[in-house]
Structures are given as C-alpha cells and as structure tokens.
C-alpha atoms as a PDB file:
ATOM      1  CA  MET A   1       0.430  -8.395   9.344  1.00  0.00           C
ATOM      2  CA  LEU A   2       3.140 -10.225  11.272  1.00  0.00           C
ATOM      3  CA  HIS A   3       3.240 -10.036  15.093  1.00  0.00           C
ATOM      4  CA  VAL A   4       6.315 -10.660  17.196  1.00  0.00           C
ATOM      5  CA  PHE A   5       5.704 -12.767  20.308  1.00  0.00           C
ATOM      6  CA  PRO A   6       8.467 -13.055  22.956  1.00  0.00           C
ATOM      7  CA  LEU A   7       9.604 -16.655  23.403  1.00  0.00           C
ATOM      8  CA  VAL A   8      10.712 -16.303  27.020  1.00  0.00           C
ATOM      9  CA  ARG A   9      10.150 -13.656  29.656  1.00  0.00           C
ATOM     10  CA  ILE A  10      12.551 -13.499  32.600  1.00  0.00           C
ATOM     11  CA  ARG A  11      11.627 -11.906  35.914  1.00  0.00           C
ATOM     12  CA  GLY A  12      13.096 -12.097  39.386  1.00  0.00           C
ATOM     13  CA  GLY A  13      10.528 -14.561  40.696  1.00  0.00           C
ATOM     14  CA  PHE A  14      11.284 -17.206  38.107  1.00  0.00           C
ATOM     15  CA  PHE A  15      14.654 -18.204  39.612  1.00  0.00           C
ATOM     16  CA  SER A  16      15.886 -18.525  43.178  1.00  0.00           C
ATOM     17  CA  GLU A  17      18.748 -16.457  44.506  1.00  0.00           C
ATOM     18  CA  LYS A  18      21.003 -19.470  44.058  1.00  0.00           C
ATOM     19  CA  TRP A  19      20.741 -19.053  40.296  1.00  0.00           C
ATOM     20  CA  ASP A  20      21.048 -15.264  40.107  1.00  0.00           C
ATOM     21  CA  SER A  21      24.338 -15.276  38.245  1.00  0.00           C
ATOM     22  CA  THR A  22      23.150 -17.983  35.834  1.00  0.00           C
ATOM     23  CA  ALA A  23      19.869 -16.188  35.270  1.00  0.00           C
ATOM     24  CA  GLY A  24      21.717 -12.976  34.579  1.00  0.00           C
ATOM     25  CA  LEU A  25      23.917 -14.626  31.977  1.00  0.00           C
ATOM     26  CA  PHE A  26      20.936 -16.467  30.492  1.00  0.00           C
ATOM     27  CA  LYS A  27      19.033 -13.212  30.339  1.00  0.00           C
ATOM     28  CA  LEU A  28      21.868 -11.595  28.423  1.00  0.00           C
ATOM     29  CA  VAL A  29      21.870 -14.496  25.965  1.00  0.00           C
ATOM     30  CA  LEU A  30      18.115 -14.241  25.476  1.00  0.00           C
ATOM     31  CA  MET A  31      18.269 -10.484  25.088  1.00  0.00           C
ATOM     32  CA  GLY A  32      20.758 -10.920  22.273  1.00  0.00           C
ATOM     33  CA  SER A  33      18.720 -13.663  20.622  1.00  0.00           C
ATOM     34  CA  SER A  34      15.492 -11.658  21.047  1.00  0.00           C
ATOM     35  CA  MET A  35      17.064  -8.702  19.278  1.00  0.00           C
ATOM     36  CA  SER A  36      18.168 -11.025  16.484  1.00  0.00           C
ATOM     37  CA  TRP A  37      14.701 -12.545  16.157  1.00  0.00           C
ATOM     38  CA  CYS A  38      13.075  -9.094  16.158  1.00  0.00           C
ATOM     39  CA  PHE A  39      15.405  -8.100  13.348  1.00  0.00           C
ATOM     40  CA  VAL A  40      14.508 -11.268  11.417  1.00  0.00           C
ATOM     41  CA  TRP A  41      10.761 -10.654  11.868  1.00  0.00           C
ATOM     42  CA  LEU A  42      11.236  -7.044  10.754  1.00  0.00           C
ATOM     43  CA  ILE A  43      12.953  -8.217   7.572  1.00  0.00           C
ATOM     44  CA  LEU A  44      10.184 -10.780   6.932  1.00  0.00           C
ATOM     45  CA  THR A  45       7.488  -8.133   7.448  1.00  0.00           C
ATOM     46  CA  PHE A  46       9.190  -5.799   5.001  1.00  0.00           C
ATOM     47  CA  PHE A  47       9.650  -8.655   2.525  1.00  0.00           C
ATOM     48  CA  CYS A  48       5.946  -9.665   2.673  1.00  0.00           C
ATOM     49  CA  ALA A  49       4.864  -6.063   2.161  1.00  0.00           C
ATOM     50  CA  TYR A  50       7.319  -5.767  -0.711  1.00  0.00           C
ATOM     51  CA  VAL A  51       5.993  -8.959  -2.352  1.00  0.00           C
ATOM     52  CA  GLN A  52       2.392  -7.740  -2.060  1.00  0.00           C
ATOM     53  CA  SER A  53       3.249  -4.346  -3.555  1.00  0.00           C
ATOM     54  CA  SER A  54       5.490  -5.887  -6.222  1.00  0.00           C
ATOM     55  CA  ASP A  55       2.526  -7.895  -7.584  1.00  0.00           C
ATOM     56  CA  GLU A  56       0.621  -4.655  -8.210  1.00  0.00           C
ATOM     57  CA  VAL A  57       3.681  -2.983  -9.738  1.00  0.00           C
ATOM     58  CA  ALA A  58       4.270  -6.026 -11.963  1.00  0.00           C
ATOM     59  CA  SER A  59       0.707  -5.885 -13.350  1.00  0.00           C
ATOM     60  CA  ASP A  60       0.898  -2.144 -14.011  1.00  0.00           C
ATOM     61  CA  SER A  61       4.337  -2.520 -15.585  1.00  0.00           C
ATOM     62  CA  LEU A  62       3.020  -5.266 -17.857  1.00  0.00           C
ATOM     63  CA  ASP A  63       0.225  -3.016 -19.149  1.00  0.00           C
ATOM     64  CA  ALA A  64       2.718  -0.237 -19.864  1.00  0.00           C
ATOM     65  CA  PHE A  65       5.094  -2.694 -21.541  1.00  0.00           C
ATOM     66  CA  VAL A  66       2.333  -4.168 -23.703  1.00  0.00           C
ATOM     67  CA  GLN A  67       1.098  -0.706 -24.617  1.00  0.00           C
ATOM     68  CA  GLU A  68       4.557   0.260 -25.865  1.00  0.00           C
ATOM     69  CA  PHE A  69       4.851  -2.764 -28.169  1.00  0.00           C
ATOM     70  CA  ALA A  70       1.275  -2.362 -29.411  1.00  0.00           C
ATOM     71  CA  LEU A  71       1.879   1.266 -30.371  1.00  0.00           C
ATOM     72  CA  ARG A  72       5.121   0.279 -32.093  1.00  0.00           C
ATOM     73  CA  THR A  73       3.081  -2.135 -34.171  1.00  0.00           C
ATOM     74  CA  LEU A  74       0.763   0.672 -35.255  1.00  0.00           C
ATOM     75  CA  ASP A  75       3.717   2.848 -36.219  1.00  0.00           C
ATOM     76  CA  HIS A  76       5.206   0.021 -38.249  1.00  0.00           C
ATOM     77  CA  HIS A  77       2.029  -0.750 -40.209  1.00  0.00           C
ATOM     78  CA  ARG A  78       0.735   2.832 -40.526  1.00  0.00           C
ATOM     79  CA  PRO A  79      -2.714   1.404 -39.905  1.00  0.00           C
ATOM     80  CA  HIS A  80      -6.160   2.394 -40.989  1.00  0.00           C
ATOM     81  CA  THR A  81      -9.120   2.191 -38.649  1.00  0.00           C
ATOM     82  CA  GLY A  82     -10.680  -1.240 -38.342  1.00  0.00           C
ATOM     83  CA  PRO A  83      -8.010  -3.923 -39.012  1.00  0.00           C
ATOM     84  CA  LEU A  84      -6.594  -5.933 -36.101  1.00  0.00           C
ATOM     85  CA  TYR A  85      -2.791  -6.093 -35.898  1.00  0.00           C
ATOM     86  CA  LYS A  86      -0.785  -8.601 -33.887  1.00  0.00           C
ATOM     87  CA  ALA A  87       2.110  -7.170 -31.892  1.00  0.00           C
ATOM     88  CA  ILE A  88       5.514  -8.855 -31.879  1.00  0.00           C
ATOM     89  CA  LEU A  89       6.719  -9.392 -28.301  1.00  0.00           C
ATOM     90  CA  PRO A  90      10.241 -10.231 -27.086  1.00  0.00           C
ATOM     91  CA  ALA A  91      11.264 -13.865 -26.651  1.00  0.00           C
ATOM     92  CA  ASN A  92      11.105 -13.727 -22.850  1.00  0.00           C
ATOM     93  CA  LEU A  93       7.317 -13.258 -23.098  1.00  0.00           C
ATOM     94  CA  SER A  94       6.691 -16.233 -25.363  1.00  0.00           C
ATOM     95  CA  GLY A  95       3.203 -17.629 -24.849  1.00  0.00           C
ATOM     96  CA  MET A  96       1.640 -14.190 -24.479  1.00  0.00           C
ATOM     97  CA  GLU A  97      -0.380 -12.636 -27.313  1.00  0.00           C
ATOM     98  CA  VAL A  98      -1.107  -8.945 -27.870  1.00  0.00           C
ATOM     99  CA  SER A  99      -3.269  -7.409 -30.598  1.00  0.00           C
ATOM    100  CA  VAL A 100      -4.202  -3.811 -31.314  1.00  0.00           C
ATOM    101  CA  VAL A 101      -6.948  -2.121 -33.313  1.00  0.00           C
ATOM    102  CA  GLN A 102      -7.631   1.546 -34.029  1.00  0.00           C
ATOM    103  CA  LEU A 103     -11.239   2.767 -34.159  1.00  0.00           C
ATOM    104  CA  ARG A 104     -13.211   5.949 -34.597  1.00  0.00           C
ATOM    105  CA  SER A 105     -15.464   6.852 -31.702  1.00  0.00           C
ATOM    106  CA  ARG A 106     -18.499   7.160 -33.992  1.00  0.00           C
ATOM    107  CA  GLN A 107     -17.792   3.672 -35.346  1.00  0.00           C
ATOM    108  CA  LEU A 108     -17.728   2.257 -31.815  1.00  0.00           C
ATOM    109  CA  TRP A 109     -20.966   4.097 -31.081  1.00  0.00           C
ATOM    110  CA  SER A 110     -22.827   2.879 -34.153  1.00  0.00           C
ATOM    111  CA  ARG A 111     -21.572  -0.708 -34.501  1.00  0.00           C
ATOM    112  CA  GLY A 112     -19.631  -1.576 -31.393  1.00  0.00           C
ATOM    113  CA  ALA A 113     -16.586  -3.829 -31.765  1.00  0.00           C
ATOM    114  CA  LYS A 114     -15.992  -7.553 -32.046  1.00  0.00           C
ATOM    115  CA  PHE A 115     -12.507  -9.022 -31.993  1.00  0.00           C
ATOM    116  CA  SER A 116     -10.673 -11.840 -30.223  1.00  0.00           C
ATOM    117  CA  ASN A 117     -12.480 -12.747 -26.985  1.00  0.00           C
ATOM    118  CA  PHE A 118     -14.382  -9.488 -26.568  1.00  0.00           C
ATOM    119  CA  ARG A 119     -17.736  -8.259 -27.836  1.00  0.00           C
ATOM    120  CA  ILE A 120     -18.332  -4.553 -27.195  1.00  0.00           C
ATOM    121  CA  PRO A 121     -21.969  -3.504 -27.694  1.00  0.00           C
ATOM    122  CA  SER A 122     -23.084  -0.598 -29.825  1.00  0.00           C
ATOM    123  CA  ARG A 123     -23.906   2.719 -28.167  1.00  0.00           C
ATOM    124  CA  THR A 124     -20.531   2.609 -26.422  1.00  0.00           C
ATOM    125  CA  MET A 125     -18.516   5.794 -26.071  1.00  0.00           C
ATOM    126  CA  PRO A 126     -15.026   6.517 -24.709  1.00  0.00           C
ATOM    127  CA  VAL A 127     -14.689   8.597 -21.555  1.00  0.00           C
ATOM    128  CA  PRO A 128     -13.381  11.249 -21.887  1.00  0.00           C
ATOM    129  CA  HIS A 129     -14.611  11.663 -25.433  1.00  0.00           C
ATOM    130  CA  VAL A 130     -11.989  11.453 -28.198  1.00  0.00           C
ATOM    131  CA  LYS A 131     -12.307  11.134 -31.977  1.00  0.00           C
ATOM    132  CA  ARG A 132     -10.044   8.099 -32.263  1.00  0.00           C
ATOM    133  CA  LEU A 133      -9.138   5.380 -29.808  1.00  0.00           C
ATOM    134  CA  VAL A 134      -6.907   2.331 -29.657  1.00  0.00           C
ATOM    135  CA  LEU A 135      -8.057  -0.980 -28.169  1.00  0.00           C
ATOM    136  CA  ILE A 136      -5.284  -3.285 -26.952  1.00  0.00           C
ATOM    137  CA  TYR A 137      -6.096  -6.940 -26.423  1.00  0.00           C
ATOM    138  CA  GLN A 138      -3.998  -9.198 -24.173  1.00  0.00           C
ATOM    139  CA  ASP A 139      -3.916 -12.965 -23.767  1.00  0.00           C
ATOM    140  CA  LEU A 140      -1.413 -13.755 -21.018  1.00  0.00           C
ATOM    141  CA  GLY A 141      -1.314 -17.490 -21.762  1.00  0.00           C
ATOM    142  CA  ASN A 142       1.101 -19.318 -19.470  1.00  0.00           C
ATOM    143  CA  TRP A 143       1.922 -16.029 -17.721  1.00  0.00           C
ATOM    144  CA  SER A 144      -1.616 -15.698 -16.348  1.00  0.00           C
ATOM    145  CA  SER A 145      -1.067 -17.102 -12.851  1.00  0.00           C
ATOM    146  CA  TYR A 146       2.204 -15.172 -12.516  1.00  0.00           C
ATOM    147  CA  TYR A 147       0.725 -11.711 -13.059  1.00  0.00           C
ATOM    148  CA  TYR A 148      -2.793 -12.358 -11.752  1.00  0.00           C
ATOM    149  CA  PRO A 149      -2.854 -15.047  -9.040  1.00  0.00           C
ATOM    150  CA  VAL A 150      -6.255 -15.641  -7.421  1.00  0.00           C
ATOM    151  CA  PRO A 151      -5.921 -16.819  -3.788  1.00  0.00           C
ATOM    152  CA  GLY A 152      -8.028 -19.904  -3.097  1.00  0.00           C
ATOM    153  CA  TYR A 153      -8.812 -20.486  -6.782  1.00  0.00           C
ATOM    154  CA  THR A 154      -7.231 -22.170  -9.792  1.00  0.00           C
ATOM    155  CA  LEU A 155      -7.258 -20.550 -13.233  1.00  0.00           C
ATOM    156  CA  VAL A 156      -9.084 -22.679 -15.792  1.00  0.00           C
ATOM    157  CA  SER A 157      -8.564 -20.252 -18.672  1.00  0.00           C
ATOM    158  CA  SER A 158      -5.799 -17.834 -19.482  1.00  0.00           C
ATOM    159  CA  VAL A 159      -6.211 -14.234 -18.384  1.00  0.00           C
ATOM    160  CA  VAL A 160      -7.416 -11.943 -21.194  1.00  0.00           C
ATOM    161  CA  GLY A 161      -7.456  -8.166 -21.045  1.00  0.00           C
ATOM    162  CA  LEU A 162      -8.908  -5.194 -22.897  1.00  0.00           C
ATOM    163  CA  MET A 163      -7.555  -1.666 -22.502  1.00  0.00           C
ATOM    164  CA  ALA A 164      -8.596   1.527 -24.330  1.00  0.00           C
ATOM    165  CA  TYR A 165      -6.301   4.497 -25.047  1.00  0.00           C
ATOM    166  CA  ASP A 166      -6.546   7.869 -26.763  1.00  0.00           C
ATOM    167  CA  ALA A 167      -5.256   7.671 -30.361  1.00  0.00           C
ATOM    168  CA  SER A 168      -5.320  11.415 -31.072  1.00  0.00           C
ATOM    169  CA  ASN A 169      -1.535  11.673 -30.730  1.00  0.00           C
ATOM    170  CA  LEU A 170       0.245   8.322 -30.641  1.00  0.00           C
ATOM    171  CA  ASP A 171       3.651  10.037 -30.737  1.00  0.00           C
ATOM    172  CA  ALA A 172       3.142  11.606 -27.312  1.00  0.00           C
ATOM    173  CA  ASN A 173       5.264  10.425 -24.392  1.00  0.00           C
ATOM    174  CA  ARG A 174       2.175   9.487 -22.391  1.00  0.00           C
ATOM    175  CA  ILE A 175      -1.018   8.119 -23.921  1.00  0.00           C
ATOM    176  CA  LEU A 176      -4.243   8.810 -22.054  1.00  0.00           C
ATOM    177  CA  GLN A 177      -6.049   5.689 -20.865  1.00  0.00           C
ATOM    178  CA  LEU A 178      -9.800   5.778 -21.482  1.00  0.00           C
ATOM    179  CA  SER A 179     -12.869   4.250 -19.899  1.00  0.00           C
ATOM    180  CA  LEU A 180     -15.729   2.731 -21.887  1.00  0.00           C
ATOM    181  CA  ASN A 181     -19.306   3.764 -21.195  1.00  0.00           C
ATOM    182  CA  THR A 182     -21.593   1.022 -22.554  1.00  0.00           C
ATOM    183  CA  MET A 183     -24.824   2.737 -21.500  1.00  0.00           C
ATOM    184  CA  GLY A 184     -25.707  -0.131 -19.199  1.00  0.00           C
ATOM    185  CA  LYS A 185     -25.049  -2.923 -21.700  1.00  0.00           C
ATOM    186  CA  PRO A 186     -22.427  -5.517 -20.742  1.00  0.00           C
ATOM    187  CA  ILE A 187     -19.202  -6.309 -22.551  1.00  0.00           C
ATOM    188  CA  SER A 188     -19.092 -10.069 -23.163  1.00  0.00           C
ATOM    189  CA  VAL A 189     -15.901 -12.117 -22.885  1.00  0.00           C
ATOM    190  CA  HIS A 190     -15.907 -15.458 -24.720  1.00  0.00           C
ATOM    191  CA  PHE A 191     -13.336 -18.079 -23.666  1.00  0.00           C
ATOM    192  CA  GLY A 192     -14.246 -20.803 -26.150  1.00  0.00           C
ATOM    193  CA  LYS A 193     -13.959 -24.477 -25.236  1.00  0.00           C
ATOM    194  CA  LEU A 194     -12.332 -25.110 -21.878  1.00  0.00           C
ATOM    195  CA  LEU A 195     -11.230 -28.316 -20.186  1.00  0.00           C
ATOM    196  CA  PHE A 196     -12.573 -28.599 -16.653  1.00  0.00           C
ATOM    197  CA  PRO A 197     -11.565 -31.211 -14.074  1.00  0.00           C
ATOM    198  CA  ARG A 198     -14.050 -34.069 -13.931  1.00  0.00           C
ATOM    199  CA  GLY A 199     -17.243 -33.092 -12.108  1.00  0.00           C
ATOM    200  CA  ARG A 200     -16.156 -29.513 -11.437  1.00  0.00           C
ATOM    201  CA  LYS A 201     -17.626 -27.612 -14.370  1.00  0.00           C
ATOM    202  CA  SER A 202     -20.510 -26.392 -12.221  1.00  0.00           C
ATOM    203  CA  GLU A 203     -18.039 -24.745  -9.815  1.00  0.00           C
ATOM    204  CA  ALA A 204     -16.576 -22.444 -12.486  1.00  0.00           C
ATOM    205  CA  ARG A 205     -16.918 -18.712 -11.889  1.00  0.00           C
ATOM    206  CA  CYS A 206     -15.992 -15.557 -13.739  1.00  0.00           C
ATOM    207  CA  ALA A 207     -13.183 -13.497 -12.241  1.00  0.00           C
ATOM    208  CA  ALA A 208     -12.602  -9.798 -12.937  1.00  0.00           C
ATOM    209  CA  LEU A 209      -8.985  -9.094 -11.987  1.00  0.00           C
ATOM    210  CA  CYS A 210      -7.678  -5.703 -10.896  1.00  0.00           C
ATOM    211  CA  ALA A 211      -4.048  -4.591 -10.916  1.00  0.00           C
ATOM    212  CA  ASN A 212      -4.126  -3.927  -7.149  1.00  0.00           C
ATOM    213  CA  GLY A 213      -4.932  -7.584  -6.440  1.00  0.00           C
ATOM    214  CA  THR A 214      -8.691  -7.179  -5.967  1.00  0.00           C
ATOM    215  CA  VAL A 215     -10.764  -9.982  -7.518  1.00  0.00           C
ATOM    216  CA  TYR A 216     -14.493  -9.800  -8.280  1.00  0.00           C
ATOM    217  CA  LEU A 217     -16.217 -13.156  -8.751  1.00  0.00           C
ATOM    218  CA  SER A 218     -19.550 -13.751 -10.482  1.00  0.00           C
ATOM    219  CA  ASP A 219     -21.555 -16.709 -11.748  1.00  0.00           C
ATOM    220  CA  MET A 220     -21.598 -17.642 -15.429  1.00  0.00           C
ATOM    221  CA  SER A 221     -25.003 -17.334 -17.082  1.00  0.00           C
ATOM    222  CA  LEU A 222     -23.682 -19.012 -20.260  1.00  0.00           C
ATOM    223  CA  PRO A 223     -20.923 -21.653 -20.541  1.00  0.00           C
ATOM    224  CA  SER A 224     -17.455 -20.097 -20.897  1.00  0.00           C
ATOM    225  CA  VAL A 225     -18.888 -16.573 -21.227  1.00  0.00           C
ATOM    226  CA  CYS A 226     -18.360 -13.730 -18.761  1.00  0.00           C
ATOM    227  CA  TYR A 227     -19.878 -10.254 -18.689  1.00  0.00           C
ATOM    228  CA  SER A 228     -18.545  -6.915 -17.507  1.00  0.00           C
ATOM    229  CA  ARG A 229     -19.520  -3.277 -17.780  1.00  0.00           C
ATOM    230  CA  GLU A 230     -15.904  -2.113 -17.758  1.00  0.00           C
ATOM    231  CA  GLN A 231     -12.632  -2.928 -19.463  1.00  0.00           C
ATOM    232  CA  GLY A 232      -9.973  -4.878 -17.590  1.00  0.00           C
ATOM    233  CA  HIS A 233      -8.621  -8.408 -17.197  1.00  0.00           C
ATOM    234  CA  PHE A 234     -10.782 -11.515 -16.918  1.00  0.00           C
ATOM    235  CA  SER A 235     -10.516 -15.257 -16.432  1.00  0.00           C
ATOM    236  CA  ILE A 236     -12.525 -18.321 -15.391  1.00  0.00           C
ATOM    237  CA  VAL A 237     -11.591 -19.949 -12.094  1.00  0.00           C
ATOM    238  CA  ILE A 238     -12.589 -22.868  -9.885  1.00  0.00           C
ATOM    239  CA  PRO A 239     -12.054 -23.186  -6.115  1.00  0.00           C
ATOM    240  CA  VAL A 240      -8.992 -25.008  -4.857  1.00  0.00           C
ATOM    241  CA  LYS A 241      -9.884 -28.419  -3.457  1.00  0.00           C
ATOM    242  CA  LYS A 242     -10.169 -28.516   0.326  1.00  0.00           C
ATOM    243  CA  LYS A 243      -7.767 -31.446   0.425  1.00  0.00           C
ATOM    244  CA  GLN A 244      -5.075 -29.376  -1.241  1.00  0.00           C
ATOM    245  CA  LYS A 245      -5.796 -26.456   1.044  1.00  0.00           C
ATOM    246  CA  TRP A 246      -5.552 -28.716   4.103  1.00  0.00           C
ATOM    247  CA  LYS A 247      -2.290 -30.140   2.803  1.00  0.00           C
ATOM    248  CA  SER A 248      -0.737 -26.711   2.344  1.00  0.00           C
ATOM    249  CA  SER A 249      -1.895 -25.686   5.841  1.00  0.00           C
ATOM    250  CA  TRP A 250      -0.423 -28.871   7.289  1.00  0.00           C
ATOM    251  CA  VAL A 251       2.909 -28.276   5.565  1.00  0.00           C
ATOM    252  CA  GLY A 252       2.999 -24.684   6.804  1.00  0.00           C
ATOM    253  CA  GLY A 253       2.151 -25.746  10.359  1.00  0.00           C
ATOM    254  CA  PHE A 254       4.807 -28.440  10.290  1.00  0.00           C
ATOM    255  CA  ALA A 255       7.427 -25.941   9.115  1.00  0.00           C
ATOM    256  CA  VAL A 256       6.514 -23.446  11.851  1.00  0.00           C
ATOM    257  CA  GLY A 257       6.532 -26.206  14.472  1.00  0.00           C
ATOM    258  CA  PHE A 258       9.905 -27.476  13.310  1.00  0.00           C
ATOM    259  CA  VAL A 259      11.435 -24.000  13.498  1.00  0.00           C
ATOM    260  CA  GLY A 260       9.965 -23.517  16.978  1.00  0.00           C
ATOM    261  CA  LEU A 261      11.355 -26.883  18.092  1.00  0.00           C
ATOM    262  CA  VAL A 262      14.829 -25.978  16.858  1.00  0.00           C
ATOM    263  CA  VAL A 263      14.718 -22.629  18.654  1.00  0.00           C
ATOM    264  CA  MET A 264      13.506 -24.137  21.938  1.00  0.00           C
ATOM    265  CA  SER A 265      16.095 -26.929  21.705  1.00  0.00           C
ATOM    266  CA  SER A 266      18.864 -24.375  21.240  1.00  0.00           C
ATOM    267  CA  VAL A 267      17.642 -22.364  24.224  1.00  0.00           C
ATOM    268  CA  GLY A 268      17.415 -25.547  26.316  1.00  0.00           C
ATOM    269  CA  MET A 269      20.974 -26.545  25.461  1.00  0.00           C
ATOM    270  CA  VAL A 270      22.230 -23.110  26.503  1.00  0.00           C
ATOM    271  CA  VAL A 271      20.379 -23.385  29.824  1.00  0.00           C
ATOM    272  CA  LEU A 272      21.781 -26.866  30.514  1.00  0.00           C
ATOM    273  CA  ARG A 273      25.340 -25.787  29.781  1.00  0.00           C
ATOM    274  CA  LEU A 274      25.080 -22.748  32.018  1.00  0.00           C
ATOM    275  CA  SER A 275      23.496 -24.807  34.808  1.00  0.00           C
ATOM    276  CA  LYS A 276      26.244 -27.430  34.616  1.00  0.00           C
ATOM    277  CA  LYS A 277      28.974 -24.801  34.793  1.00  0.00           C
ATOM    278  CA  LYS A 278      27.245 -23.186  37.766  1.00  0.00           C
ATOM    279  CA  ARG A 279      26.994 -26.482  39.666  1.00  0.00           C
ATOM    280  CA  ILE A 280      30.662 -27.284  39.056  1.00  0.00           C
ATOM    281  CA  ALA A 281      31.693 -23.831  40.257  1.00  0.00           C
ATOM    282  CA  GLU A 282      29.613 -24.221  43.437  1.00  0.00           C
ATOM    283  CA  MET A 283      31.051 -27.681  44.158  1.00  0.00           C
ATOM    284  CA  GLU A 284      34.601 -26.357  43.810  1.00  0.00           C
ATOM    285  CA  LYS A 285      33.786 -23.425  46.051  1.00  0.00           C
ATOM    286  CA  GLN A 286      32.295 -25.678  48.741  1.00  0.00           C
ATOM    287  CA  ALA A 287      35.308 -27.993  48.563  1.00  0.00           C
ATOM    288  CA  ASP A 288      37.684 -25.077  49.012  1.00  0.00           C
ATOM    289  CA  GLU A 289      35.753 -23.678  51.979  1.00  0.00           C
ATOM    290  CA  SER A 290      35.247 -26.978  53.898  1.00  0.00           C
ATOM    291  CA  VAL A 291      38.898 -28.106  54.127  1.00  0.00           C
ATOM    292  CA  VAL A 292      41.750 -25.673  54.556  1.00  0.00           C
ATOM    293  CA  LEU A 293      45.000 -27.215  53.388  1.00  0.00           C
ATOM    294  CA  GLY A 294      48.379 -25.723  52.970  1.00  0.00           C
ATOM    295  CA  MET A 295      50.057 -25.645  49.621  1.00  0.00           C
ATOM    296  CA  ILE A 296      53.610 -26.735  48.911  1.00  0.00           C
ATOM    297  CA  TRP A 297      55.647 -26.894  45.765  1.00  0.00           C
ATOM    298  CA  ILE A 298      57.112 -30.218  44.736  1.00  0.00           C
ATOM    299  CA  GLY A 299      59.224 -29.793  41.694  1.00  0.00           C
ATOM    300  CA  GLY A 300      57.182 -27.675  39.297  1.00  0.00           C
ATOM    301  CA  SER A 301      53.775 -28.673  40.779  1.00  0.00           C
ATOM    302  CA  LYS A 302      51.771 -27.027  43.508  1.00  0.00           C
ATOM    303  CA  MET A 303      50.112 -29.579  45.823  1.00  0.00           C
ATOM    304  CA  PRO A 304      48.021 -29.395  49.024  1.00  0.00           C
ATOM    305  CA  SER A 305      49.608 -30.528  52.305  1.00  0.00           C
ATOM    306  CA  ALA A 306      48.309 -30.981  55.832  1.00  0.00           C
ATOM    307  CA  THR A 307      50.254 -29.829  58.885  1.00  0.00           C
ATOM    308  CA  VAL A 308      51.974 -32.680  60.725  1.00  0.00           C
ATOM    309  CA  THR A 309      50.839 -33.076  64.357  1.00  0.00           C
ATOM    310  CA  ARG A 310      52.583 -35.744  66.434  1.00  0.00           C
ATOM    311  CA  THR A 311      50.510 -37.601  69.027  1.00  0.00           C
ATOM    312  CA  GLN A 312      51.716 -36.796  72.497  1.00  0.00           C
ATOM    313  CA  PRO A 313      53.003 -39.883  74.344  1.00  0.00           C
ATOM    314  CA  VAL A 314      51.024 -40.824  77.452  1.00  0.00           C
ATOM    315  CA  LEU A 315      52.286 -42.972  80.398  1.00  0.00           C
ATOM    316  CA  GLU A 316      50.297 -45.852  81.714  1.00  0.00           C
ATOM    317  CA  ASN A 317      49.555 -43.928  84.881  1.00  0.00           C
ATOM    318  CA  GLY A 318      48.070 -41.082  82.812  1.00  0.00           C
ATOM    319  CA  GLY A 319      50.893 -38.609  83.023  1.00  0.00           C
ATOM    320  CA  ALA A 320      52.318 -37.050  79.923  1.00  0.00           C
ATOM    321  CA  LEU A 321      56.011 -37.027  79.325  1.00  0.00           C
END
C-alpha cells in the first residue's frame, strides 16, 4: 500500500507578517503541486494494484489458453485412453510444452498414472467423480519466471503443471476442472538433472505455485524431487543472494532520494525567486516613500525633478534684503 506524505506544511507561524504576500503565493504554488503529486501517487497506487491483479489474471488466462489447445489436440487425433499427445502451440509461446492424456477413472484408481514429470499414485480418484478425465501437463520453459515469479527466490528449474478436467463432454463450452484425491499418498514431481550455482545445492527448495501469487515452500527429501497432495504448478527455487538484494535496495533508495532531491530543489528555486521579487518590490516602495520628487516630461521621457529654492541673500549686518 502506498501512503502519501505532504512535503511541506504551511501555517501562519512559519512566516512573519513581512512575508505574508510571499507566503500566500508560495502556498498557492504548493497547493497546486500537492494536488499534482496526489494525482501522481493515485495513478501509481492504481498501477501497482493493476500489476498485482494482472499477474493472477495472466496465470489463469494461460491455463485456459493451454486447455483450449490441448483439447484441440484430442479432437484432431480422436484419441483412445492412455496415449500421451503433444499439443501444438502458437509461435509466440515457443519454449513452452503442453501434453494431454485421456484416462478412465477406474484406470487411475487401479494403476495411477506416470507421464512426463509427474507420478500419480494408485488409489487416486477424481473429485467430483467422473468416468473419464483429461490430464494436461505444462512445462513453461523460458516463460516460467514471467507467469510465476517467486519474490526473494530464483527459479532453478522450469515451472511444470498438472491440471485435471472432466472428459465426459469435450465439446461443451466449459469443461469442469477436477481435483485429485490421492487418499493421503503424495504426487511426486521429478525434475531430472538440474544445474545449481556452486555451493548452493543445499539451499534448493520445492515451490508449489498458486495462480493468485501464493507460494508454498518445502524441503526436498530426495534430490530434484518434490511432493504434493494436489495438482498445480511446481518448481525448484533457491534464495536470492543477500548481496543482490542489498544492491536492488540501494538502487531503489538512490532513485527515491534523487527524485526527492529534484523536488526539493525545484521548491527551493521557487522560494528564492519569490523572495527576490518581494525584496525588490519593498526596496522600490521604500525609495518612493522616502523622497518625494516632482515629475516632468523632457521630450518623450518622464523624469523626476526637485523644486528650485533660491538661497535668500543676507547682509553682513544680519539683515535680509
């Protein structure tokens, strides 16, 4: 949440009566600038809220987009239950992989499922119960950090996802999303061989990623293997180095300080200009009030003139003529 703090507060006791007119003008300037800054902060607040909500919308939209292409793949192949089909995605999502498989619920219950990165244990049933279901597998590849950023952590593996849908009527406008009840047994996610930064393999943790931005972290009991009791999106992460975090904080602080310096410098320049104009006006006023001179026109110019007073002649004996 962003808070707006007033830069300057003007009250009667801050300036003497001598500067009342200047203070009034300065106050008007600050009132205008304060309104502008409040408007800017309001826009920034709305933008931050929009960015936070847009991340959630982007993740949900991706799932819906992937689901559409996966179901198109099933329609194209007219599939039987069991085989895994790879969906063809548009060119703007190159690097992302999507696969789809259709299963019977009794098959999932008796044998479980094993494909790509996921191992679903036996005795698993869809909730609500349906006769057929579709499992859609996602590997976001180089799009992982874009759709599922983890604050304070770096993704070591790509984000992989598993979603289950009702396959009773794939021609329907909306396909029901299902949950998987594993009867207490975990679903394992295998990431294969991963390259960790030197000396940081022990810091790796499993991350369960939700569309609303929530991240659940857990320790790895086996190398490059994570466990979950629900479907979703998963990855392996390591904490961001403190040095990098300090650097980003320093850069942010420097930027805020620089903006504050520019604002205060601008306000100071306005104050100096107004003060200078006020002093000049007072000096001219004092000069006009101290000496009263007549004005005469010489040619096309108006010039001051003093009245001529002749010194009275005085005799040596003190009498005036």
